[in-house]
Amino acid sequence: MVVTEPAVEKPASAEELAQRLHDAAVSNLAVAPAGGGRARGMGDPLERCDVLLQTTRLDRVIEHSQADMVVSVEAGITLEALQAELGKAGQFLPVDPFNSPGHTIGGLLATGWTGPLRLRYGSPRDFLIGIRVALPDGKLATGGGRVVKNVSGYDMMKLHYGALGSLGVIVAASFKVFPKPLQDETLSESGGWAAAERALSTPLAPSALEVFSDGRVLVRYAGSPAAVKRVTDELGWQRADPAAWDDHARRAPERWARIAAPRSELHKIVDALPDGAEWWASPGNGVAHWAISTDAQSVRDLRSRAEKAGGTLVILAAPDDFIREVGAWGAAPATLDIMRRLKKAFDPDGVLNPGRFVV
């Protein structure tokens, strides 16, 4: 069998992208949308890919209202470029995904990736206020708006958030943004889960907290200088270089998984990992990441334990053969039939990311 490389398309506008997508659909060509490629290992292996539709030329800040604290951007802009623009106004978007830098905004929304700051700010889904999506019929659909308070009817934002580009290609988005805190301190300590619980119970809640497989804990407090000083002095931990968070965000093992579970169950699930496993966890969020160095059966066993506890285990990256053996997602959700009907409605010919997510 001769394997051909997909054609690479790099449209320069939302309208051009929609037209390229429509042309591919009419020709029955399978399309894989791509941003920065930092999360390309997520999902089941593609059944086929004829066209790689890259959004990286859609990289403009469309509008930034400093007073209203909202920003609208094209989907191909990188998170770093957006943060630099917002930083000029003393603002930021509280998103710190792993395998950074290089994520595009559209890619982050399509995959639903988050990082430690989710503890304080939630996920991008919580401060996403508008979205624009190209559909296989060549149309551009818009949901939400460019103001924090809007009535949009059907929630297009939640539909496409985390859908892996299987229903449409995100071309633009609007967000509520946040002021940079007046004080931002990072502390570290040994002590593992017990130390983490102590930090989570302080009067000023941490903005981020991670516990690592070697027992180290990294915590971040942000707010007024007086409040931050009081809580960090009372905690008495060693001050750490804030750059530790940037180093942490670069984590991206060759094979890794995200475990999500009720907070009360996360510690037990992580304790069931194979001896010597490398992991890091956000106990305040009920999320852990595991650098997989064992066989497929170990993954299946841990996934079963997570699902019995009401959680999930999702593969974020691994060789295709390994993903085929263990499956990217685990047990089918109760909403699978609804998801398939939505896929049929938005992408009736199945041209977008066939096999990667919902089939």
Protein backbone atom coordinates (compact mmCIF):
# COMPACT_ATOMS: atom_id res chain seq x y z
CA MET A 1 0.00 0.00 0.00
CA VAL A 2 1.33 3.42 -0.94
CA VAL A 3 0.95 5.97 1.85
CA THR A 4 0.72 9.54 0.62
CA GLU A 5 1.33 12.64 2.68
CA PRO A 6 -1.70 14.88 3.21
CA ALA A 7 -1.96 18.15 1.34
CA VAL A 8 -1.19 21.08 3.66
CA GLU A 9 -3.50 24.08 3.50
CA LYS A 10 -2.73 27.33 5.34
CA PRO A 11 -5.62 29.73 4.75
CA ALA A 12 -5.10 33.40 5.61
CA SER A 13 -8.68 34.22 6.64
CA ALA A 14 -11.69 32.56 8.25
CA GLU A 15 -13.58 32.81 4.98
CA GLU A 16 -10.80 31.13 3.05
CA LEU A 17 -10.54 28.37 5.64
CA ALA A 18 -14.28 27.72 5.42
CA GLN A 19 -14.04 27.52 1.63
CA ARG A 20 -11.08 25.11 1.75
CA LEU A 21 -12.98 22.94 4.21
CA HIS A 22 -16.06 22.94 1.97
CA ASP A 23 -13.99 22.08 -1.11
CA ALA A 24 -12.50 19.11 0.71
CA ALA A 25 -15.91 17.95 1.89
CA VAL A 26 -17.33 18.13 -1.65
CA SER A 27 -14.39 16.04 -2.85
CA ASN A 28 -14.86 13.54 0.03
CA LEU A 29 -11.40 14.30 1.40
CA ALA A 30 -10.69 13.71 5.09
CA VAL A 31 -9.59 16.88 6.87
CA ALA A 32 -7.49 17.17 10.02
CA PRO A 33 -7.54 20.68 11.53
CA ALA A 34 -4.25 21.68 13.18
CA GLY A 35 -3.01 24.57 15.29
CA GLY A 36 0.33 24.43 17.04
CA GLY A 37 0.36 20.63 17.03
CA ARG A 38 1.12 20.42 20.74
CA ALA A 39 -1.85 18.13 21.44
CA ARG A 40 -1.81 16.17 18.19
CA GLY A 41 -1.31 12.87 20.04
CA MET A 42 -4.69 13.10 21.77
CA GLY A 43 -7.50 10.86 20.56
CA ASP A 44 -7.64 7.64 18.59
CA PRO A 45 -5.46 7.39 15.46
CA LEU A 46 -7.00 8.98 12.38
CA GLU A 47 -8.60 6.58 9.94
CA ARG A 48 -7.32 8.75 7.10
CA CYS A 49 -6.07 12.25 6.48
CA ASP A 50 -6.09 13.81 3.02
CA VAL A 51 -5.84 17.48 3.99
CA LEU A 52 -4.03 19.05 6.94
CA LEU A 53 -5.84 22.34 7.52
CA GLN A 54 -3.58 24.60 9.54
CA THR A 55 -4.85 27.71 11.33
CA THR A 56 -1.47 29.29 12.09
CA ARG A 57 -1.93 32.19 9.65
CA LEU A 58 -5.06 33.22 11.54
CA ASP A 59 -3.01 34.90 14.23
CA ARG A 60 -4.47 38.37 14.81
CA VAL A 61 -5.81 40.01 17.93
CA ILE A 62 -9.15 41.16 16.52
CA GLU A 63 -10.12 43.43 19.41
CA HIS A 64 -8.94 44.03 22.97
CA SER A 65 -11.03 46.20 25.27
CA GLN A 66 -8.90 46.90 28.31
CA ALA A 67 -11.71 48.65 30.15
CA ASP A 68 -14.24 45.87 29.54
CA MET A 69 -11.56 43.20 30.10
CA VAL A 70 -12.45 41.20 27.02
CA VAL A 71 -10.38 40.11 24.04
CA SER A 72 -11.25 38.60 20.66
CA VAL A 73 -8.61 36.72 18.69
CA GLU A 74 -8.20 34.51 15.68
CA ALA A 75 -7.75 30.86 16.54
CA GLY A 76 -4.22 30.46 15.20
CA ILE A 77 -2.60 32.94 17.57
CA THR A 78 -0.30 31.29 20.09
CA LEU A 79 -1.01 31.57 23.77
CA GLU A 80 2.35 33.27 24.27
CA ALA A 81 1.61 35.96 21.67
CA LEU A 82 -1.78 36.64 23.23
CA GLN A 83 -0.28 36.87 26.73
CA ALA A 84 2.31 39.35 25.48
CA GLU A 85 -0.43 41.56 24.04
CA LEU A 86 -2.58 41.36 27.18
CA GLY A 87 0.46 41.99 29.37
CA LYS A 88 0.80 45.49 27.94
CA ALA A 89 -2.45 46.30 29.73
CA GLY A 90 -1.58 44.41 32.92
CA GLN A 91 -3.95 41.59 32.03
CA PHE A 92 -3.66 37.89 31.19
CA LEU A 93 -5.56 34.78 30.19
CA PRO A 94 -5.26 32.21 33.02
CA VAL A 95 -4.32 29.22 30.90
CA ASP A 96 -1.08 27.27 31.48
CA PRO A 97 -1.28 23.98 29.55
CA PHE A 98 1.39 21.30 29.56
CA ASN A 99 3.60 20.70 26.52
CA SER A 100 4.10 24.45 26.25
CA PRO A 101 5.05 26.73 24.59
CA GLY A 102 3.40 26.73 21.16
CA HIS A 103 -0.27 25.99 21.79
CA THR A 104 -2.70 27.98 19.68
CA ILE A 105 -5.89 29.33 21.17
CA GLY A 106 -8.03 27.25 18.80
CA GLY A 107 -6.08 24.13 19.68
CA LEU A 108 -6.54 24.71 23.40
CA LEU A 109 -10.27 25.10 22.98
CA ALA A 110 -10.58 22.08 20.70
CA THR A 111 -8.70 19.82 23.11
CA GLY A 112 -9.84 21.29 26.41
CA TRP A 113 -6.32 21.24 27.85
CA THR A 114 -5.73 23.10 31.10
CA GLY A 115 -2.97 23.41 33.68
CA PRO A 116 -2.45 24.14 37.39
CA LEU A 117 -4.15 27.58 37.23
CA ARG A 118 -7.44 25.76 36.78
CA LEU A 119 -7.56 25.56 40.58
CA ARG A 120 -8.21 29.31 40.87
CA TYR A 121 -9.70 30.29 37.51
CA GLY A 122 -11.42 27.22 36.11
CA SER A 123 -10.98 26.06 32.53
CA PRO A 124 -11.15 28.25 29.39
CA ARG A 125 -14.72 27.04 29.01
CA ASP A 126 -15.56 29.19 32.07
CA PHE A 127 -14.29 32.47 30.58
CA LEU A 128 -14.94 31.82 26.89
CA ILE A 129 -17.69 34.26 25.86
CA GLY A 130 -17.78 33.89 22.07
CA ILE A 131 -16.70 31.53 19.32
CA ARG A 132 -16.67 31.38 15.51
CA VAL A 133 -16.47 28.06 13.70
CA ALA A 134 -16.06 26.99 10.07
CA LEU A 135 -18.35 24.12 9.07
CA PRO A 136 -17.98 21.53 6.28
CA ASP A 137 -20.79 23.19 4.31
CA GLY A 138 -18.57 26.27 3.94
CA LYS A 139 -20.50 28.43 6.37
CA LEU A 140 -19.17 30.30 9.39
CA ALA A 141 -21.23 29.86 12.55
CA THR A 142 -21.02 32.19 15.55
CA GLY A 143 -21.99 31.60 19.15
CA GLY A 144 -21.88 34.00 22.10
CA GLY A 145 -20.41 37.45 21.51
CA ARG A 146 -17.76 39.94 22.53
CA VAL A 147 -19.30 41.00 25.83
CA VAL A 148 -19.37 39.11 29.11
CA LYS A 149 -23.19 39.26 29.36
CA ASN A 150 -24.91 37.99 26.25
CA VAL A 151 -27.83 35.76 25.33
CA SER A 152 -26.95 33.44 22.49
CA GLY A 153 -29.54 30.66 22.64
CA TYR A 154 -27.88 27.34 21.77
CA ASP A 155 -24.46 27.15 23.43
CA MET A 156 -22.09 26.71 20.50
CA MET A 157 -19.12 27.36 22.79
CA LYS A 158 -19.64 24.31 24.97
CA LEU A 159 -20.46 22.20 21.92
CA HIS A 160 -17.10 22.81 20.23
CA TYR A 161 -15.02 23.02 23.41
CA GLY A 162 -13.13 19.73 23.71
CA ALA A 163 -14.63 18.30 20.50
CA LEU A 164 -11.18 17.89 18.88
CA GLY A 165 -12.26 19.65 15.72
CA SER A 166 -14.66 16.84 14.90
CA LEU A 167 -17.69 19.12 14.43
CA GLY A 168 -16.09 22.19 12.90
CA VAL A 169 -12.88 24.22 12.85
CA ILE A 170 -12.61 27.00 15.42
CA VAL A 171 -11.45 30.18 13.64
CA ALA A 172 -11.93 32.84 16.34
CA ALA A 173 -12.81 33.21 20.00
CA SER A 174 -13.58 35.87 22.60
CA PHE A 175 -12.66 35.70 26.27
CA LYS A 176 -13.11 37.48 29.54
CA VAL A 177 -9.56 38.29 30.70
CA PHE A 178 -8.16 38.95 34.17
CA PRO A 179 -5.91 41.53 35.81
CA LYS A 180 -2.46 40.36 36.76
CA PRO A 181 -2.33 39.94 40.54
CA LEU A 182 -0.51 42.57 42.57
CA GLN A 183 1.52 39.86 44.29
CA ASP A 184 2.31 36.35 43.09
CA GLU A 185 4.45 34.06 45.23
CA THR A 186 5.59 30.47 44.69
CA LEU A 187 6.55 28.16 47.55
CA SER A 188 7.83 24.59 47.68
CA GLU A 189 7.89 21.89 50.33
CA SER A 190 8.28 18.17 50.73
CA GLY A 191 5.57 16.12 52.38
CA GLY A 192 3.45 14.97 49.44
CA TRP A 193 -0.33 14.73 49.80
CA ALA A 194 -0.42 15.80 53.45
CA ALA A 195 1.49 18.99 52.70
CA ALA A 196 -0.74 19.64 49.71
CA GLU A 197 -3.88 19.38 51.84
CA ARG A 198 -2.39 21.81 54.34
CA ALA A 199 -1.75 24.37 51.58
CA LEU A 200 -5.26 23.89 50.21
CA SER A 201 -6.76 24.72 53.61
CA THR A 202 -5.08 28.12 54.06
CA PRO A 203 -7.34 31.20 54.45
CA LEU A 204 -6.18 32.51 51.06
CA ALA A 205 -6.79 29.72 48.57
CA PRO A 206 -3.84 28.88 46.28
CA SER A 207 -4.10 29.84 42.63
CA ALA A 208 -2.20 26.66 41.71
CA LEU A 209 -0.91 23.62 43.56
CA GLU A 210 0.89 20.52 42.31
CA VAL A 211 2.17 17.46 44.13
CA PHE A 212 4.81 15.28 42.47
CA SER A 213 5.73 11.62 42.62
CA ASP A 214 8.94 12.44 44.52
CA GLY A 215 6.89 14.02 47.33
CA ARG A 216 7.61 17.61 46.38
CA VAL A 217 4.78 20.16 46.49
CA LEU A 218 4.68 23.42 44.52
CA VAL A 219 2.11 26.05 45.45
CA ARG A 220 1.27 29.52 44.15
CA TYR A 221 -0.50 32.29 46.06
CA ALA A 222 -1.71 35.44 44.33
CA GLY A 223 -3.60 38.51 45.49
CA SER A 224 -2.94 41.62 47.54
CA PRO A 225 0.60 41.90 48.94
CA ALA A 226 -0.67 41.89 52.53
CA ALA A 227 -2.82 38.78 52.09
CA VAL A 228 -0.11 36.87 50.24
CA LYS A 229 2.53 37.78 52.81
CA ARG A 230 0.35 36.70 55.68
CA VAL A 231 -0.50 33.29 54.28
CA THR A 232 3.01 32.50 53.02
CA ASP A 233 4.56 33.55 56.34
CA GLU A 234 2.10 31.36 58.25
CA LEU A 235 2.72 28.41 55.96
CA GLY A 236 6.47 28.78 56.42
CA TRP A 237 7.51 26.96 53.26
CA GLN A 238 10.58 27.72 51.22
CA ARG A 239 10.17 30.38 48.54
CA ALA A 240 10.76 29.06 45.02
CA ASP A 241 11.59 30.60 41.67
CA PRO A 242 8.33 31.42 39.82
CA ALA A 243 10.02 30.06 36.68
CA ALA A 244 9.35 26.62 38.16
CA TRP A 245 5.84 26.89 36.70
CA ASP A 246 7.23 27.52 33.22
CA ASP A 247 9.46 24.46 33.58
CA HIS A 248 6.49 22.44 34.78
CA ALA A 249 4.40 23.55 31.79
CA ARG A 250 6.99 22.06 29.42
CA ARG A 251 6.22 18.53 30.62
CA ALA A 252 5.15 16.24 27.78
CA PRO A 253 6.27 12.60 28.08
CA GLU A 254 6.25 10.43 24.96
CA ARG A 255 3.45 8.36 26.51
CA TRP A 256 1.21 9.99 29.08
CA ALA A 257 -2.32 10.04 30.38
CA ARG A 258 -4.63 12.37 32.24
CA ILE A 259 -6.55 10.93 35.18
CA ALA A 260 -9.62 12.80 36.41
CA ALA A 261 -11.54 11.69 39.48
CA PRO A 262 -13.50 13.01 42.45
CA ARG A 263 -11.10 14.79 44.79
CA SER A 264 -11.74 12.25 47.53
CA GLU A 265 -10.67 9.39 45.23
CA LEU A 266 -7.70 10.86 43.38
CA HIS A 267 -5.09 9.98 46.02
CA LYS A 268 -6.21 6.33 46.09
CA ILE A 269 -6.07 6.05 42.30
CA VAL A 270 -2.60 7.58 42.10
CA ASP A 271 -1.42 5.25 44.89
CA ALA A 272 -2.42 2.34 42.62
CA LEU A 273 0.08 3.38 39.93
CA PRO A 274 2.95 0.94 39.32
CA ASP A 275 5.96 1.22 41.62
CA GLY A 276 8.38 3.90 40.50
CA ALA A 277 5.83 5.66 38.27
CA GLU A 278 6.39 9.31 37.45
CA TRP A 279 3.29 11.42 38.00
CA TRP A 280 2.14 14.86 39.03
CA ALA A 281 -1.25 15.78 40.43
CA SER A 282 -3.52 18.76 41.11
CA PRO A 283 -5.41 17.49 44.17
CA GLY A 284 -7.53 20.63 44.33
CA ASN A 285 -8.79 19.91 40.80
CA GLY A 286 -9.08 16.14 41.00
CA VAL A 287 -6.62 15.73 38.11
CA ALA A 288 -3.35 13.81 37.78
CA HIS A 289 -0.97 13.13 34.88
CA TRP A 290 0.98 9.91 34.49
CA ALA A 291 4.11 9.37 32.41
CA ILE A 292 3.40 5.83 31.20
CA SER A 293 6.40 3.50 31.26
CA THR A 294 4.56 0.20 31.65
CA ASP A 295 2.52 -2.10 29.43
CA ALA A 296 -1.01 -1.73 28.11
CA GLN A 297 -2.50 -3.95 30.81
CA SER A 298 -1.32 -1.55 33.53
CA VAL A 299 -3.16 1.26 31.75
CA ARG A 300 -6.32 -0.80 31.43
CA ASP A 301 -6.17 -1.77 35.12
CA LEU A 302 -5.77 1.82 36.26
CA ARG A 303 -8.49 3.03 33.90
CA SER A 304 -10.86 0.44 35.36
CA ARG A 305 -10.06 1.67 38.87
CA ALA A 306 -10.59 5.30 37.85
CA GLU A 307 -13.92 4.56 36.15
CA LYS A 308 -15.22 2.60 39.13
CA ALA A 309 -14.47 5.67 41.25
CA GLY A 310 -16.44 7.88 38.88
CA GLY A 311 -13.42 9.18 36.97
CA THR A 312 -11.66 8.77 33.64
CA LEU A 313 -8.27 8.02 32.17
CA VAL A 314 -7.54 9.62 28.80
CA ILE A 315 -4.38 9.05 26.76
CA LEU A 316 -2.80 12.38 25.81
CA ALA A 317 -0.03 10.96 23.64
CA ALA A 318 1.42 7.56 22.76
CA PRO A 319 2.44 5.61 19.65
CA ASP A 320 -0.55 4.65 17.49
CA ASP A 321 -0.16 0.92 18.15
CA PHE A 322 -0.25 1.50 21.90
CA ILE A 323 -3.36 3.70 21.64
CA ARG A 324 -5.11 1.09 19.51
CA GLU A 325 -4.33 -1.50 22.19
CA VAL A 326 -5.62 0.46 25.18
CA GLY A 327 -8.02 2.95 23.53
CA ALA A 328 -7.70 6.68 23.93
CA TRP A 329 -10.87 7.29 25.92
CA GLY A 330 -12.06 4.31 27.94
CA ALA A 331 -15.70 3.41 28.55
CA ALA A 332 -18.25 4.97 26.22
CA PRO A 333 -20.16 7.85 27.86
CA ALA A 334 -23.90 7.67 28.38
CA THR A 335 -24.22 10.56 25.92
CA LEU A 336 -22.51 8.70 23.06
CA ASP A 337 -25.68 8.44 20.98
CA ILE A 338 -26.30 12.18 21.31
CA MET A 339 -22.68 12.88 20.37
CA ARG A 340 -23.01 10.73 17.26
CA ARG A 341 -26.19 12.52 16.23
CA LEU A 342 -24.46 15.88 16.65
CA LYS A 343 -21.58 14.61 14.54
CA LYS A 344 -24.02 13.55 11.84
CA ALA A 345 -25.75 16.94 11.93
CA PHE A 346 -22.59 19.06 11.75
CA ASP A 347 -20.41 16.77 9.64
CA PRO A 348 -22.77 14.41 7.77
CA ASP A 349 -20.06 12.99 5.50
CA GLY A 350 -17.55 12.45 8.30
CA VAL A 351 -14.75 14.49 6.74
CA LEU A 352 -13.44 16.09 9.95
CA ASN A 353 -10.91 14.03 11.90
CA PRO A 354 -12.46 10.64 11.02
CA GLY A 355 -11.87 8.14 13.81
CA ARG A 356 -10.16 10.54 16.20
CA PHE A 357 -13.08 11.22 18.49
CA VAL A 358 -16.74 10.49 17.77
CA VAL A 359 -17.48 8.11 14.88
